């Protein structure tokens, strides 16, 4: 369950916020004057989130290649890689 905390808690309760983020892997939502302002998370959670975005972008590129016919059978691609490895061009 997400935590929502006022911006003053960043200064007054930083250690509690940090501990929560590391323990639960969830962001803490920070409000400013009663309105959502920031989401604070551990670096591990952030890196995992960025990794997912990068994976989704690569998957979308692959799907676009499939839709555009820019694909080849796996055995052909593997044979080409092996040839390039033998020739030292990869």
Protein backbone atom coordinates (compact mmCIF):
# COMPACT_ATOMS: atom_id res chain seq x y z
CA UNK A 1 0.00 0.00 0.00
CA UNK A 2 1.53 3.35 -0.97
CA UNK A 3 2.50 5.85 1.67
CA UNK A 4 1.60 9.50 1.29
CA UNK A 5 3.63 11.93 3.37
CA UNK A 6 3.96 15.71 3.57
CA UNK A 7 7.09 17.36 2.20
CA UNK A 8 8.20 18.26 5.73
CA UNK A 9 8.78 14.54 6.33
CA UNK A 10 11.66 14.58 3.83
CA UNK A 11 13.54 16.76 6.30
CA UNK A 12 12.11 15.46 9.57
CA UNK A 13 11.71 11.72 8.84
CA UNK A 14 14.16 10.98 6.03
CA UNK A 15 15.41 7.77 7.64
CA UNK A 16 11.86 6.42 8.03
CA UNK A 17 11.09 7.16 4.38
CA UNK A 18 14.35 5.56 3.23
CA UNK A 19 13.74 2.47 5.35
CA UNK A 20 10.20 2.08 3.98
CA UNK A 21 11.38 2.40 0.37
CA UNK A 22 14.13 -0.19 0.83
CA UNK A 23 12.02 -2.60 2.87
CA UNK A 24 8.93 -2.63 0.64
CA UNK A 25 10.33 -1.63 -2.76
CA UNK A 26 7.54 0.91 -3.18
CA UNK A 27 7.63 4.66 -3.66
CA UNK A 28 6.55 7.15 -1.04
CA UNK A 29 4.37 9.92 -2.43
CA UNK A 30 5.27 13.37 -1.14
CA UNK A 31 2.71 16.14 -1.03
CA UNK A 32 3.27 19.87 -1.09
CA UNK A 33 0.46 22.00 0.30
CA UNK A 34 -1.80 18.94 0.20
CA UNK A 35 -1.18 18.18 -3.48
CA UNK A 36 0.93 15.37 -4.94
CA UNK A 37 4.41 16.63 -5.79
CA UNK A 38 7.06 13.86 -5.76
CA UNK A 39 7.50 10.12 -5.68
CA UNK A 40 10.54 8.95 -3.70
CA UNK A 41 11.91 5.43 -4.17
CA UNK A 42 15.04 3.41 -3.48
CA UNK A 43 17.72 3.34 -6.15
CA UNK A 44 17.11 -0.40 -6.56
CA UNK A 45 13.44 0.18 -7.32
CA UNK A 46 14.32 3.01 -9.69
CA UNK A 47 16.86 0.89 -11.59
CA UNK A 48 14.36 -1.98 -11.86
CA UNK A 49 11.74 0.43 -13.22
CA UNK A 50 14.16 1.93 -15.76
CA UNK A 51 15.19 -1.59 -16.78
CA UNK A 52 11.56 -2.44 -17.49
CA UNK A 53 11.18 0.67 -19.65
CA UNK A 54 14.31 -0.27 -21.61
CA UNK A 55 13.02 -3.83 -22.07
CA UNK A 56 9.62 -2.57 -23.24
CA UNK A 57 11.33 -0.27 -25.77
CA UNK A 58 13.39 -3.18 -27.14
CA UNK A 59 10.31 -5.39 -27.34
CA UNK A 60 8.42 -2.66 -29.18
CA UNK A 61 11.32 -2.30 -31.63
CA UNK A 62 11.25 -6.07 -32.21
CA UNK A 63 7.51 -6.04 -32.79
CA UNK A 64 7.91 -3.14 -35.21
CA UNK A 65 10.61 -5.11 -37.06
CA UNK A 66 8.24 -8.08 -37.27
CA UNK A 67 5.38 -5.94 -38.60
CA UNK A 68 7.73 -4.39 -41.19
CA UNK A 69 9.19 -7.72 -42.31
CA UNK A 70 12.70 -6.93 -41.03
CA UNK A 71 13.20 -10.37 -39.52
CA UNK A 72 14.86 -13.64 -40.44
CA UNK A 73 14.49 -17.18 -39.11
CA UNK A 74 16.49 -17.85 -35.93
CA UNK A 75 18.63 -20.58 -37.55
CA UNK A 76 19.67 -18.14 -40.31
CA UNK A 77 20.58 -15.45 -37.80
CA UNK A 78 22.60 -17.92 -35.70
CA UNK A 79 24.42 -19.21 -38.79
CA UNK A 80 25.29 -15.63 -39.77
CA UNK A 81 26.63 -14.88 -36.28
CA UNK A 82 28.74 -18.06 -36.30
CA UNK A 83 30.18 -17.13 -39.73
CA UNK A 84 31.03 -13.63 -38.51
CA UNK A 85 32.68 -15.06 -35.38
CA UNK A 86 34.80 -17.45 -37.48
CA UNK A 87 35.80 -14.61 -39.83
CA UNK A 88 36.57 -12.27 -36.94
CA UNK A 89 34.14 -9.63 -38.22
CA UNK A 90 31.96 -9.66 -35.11
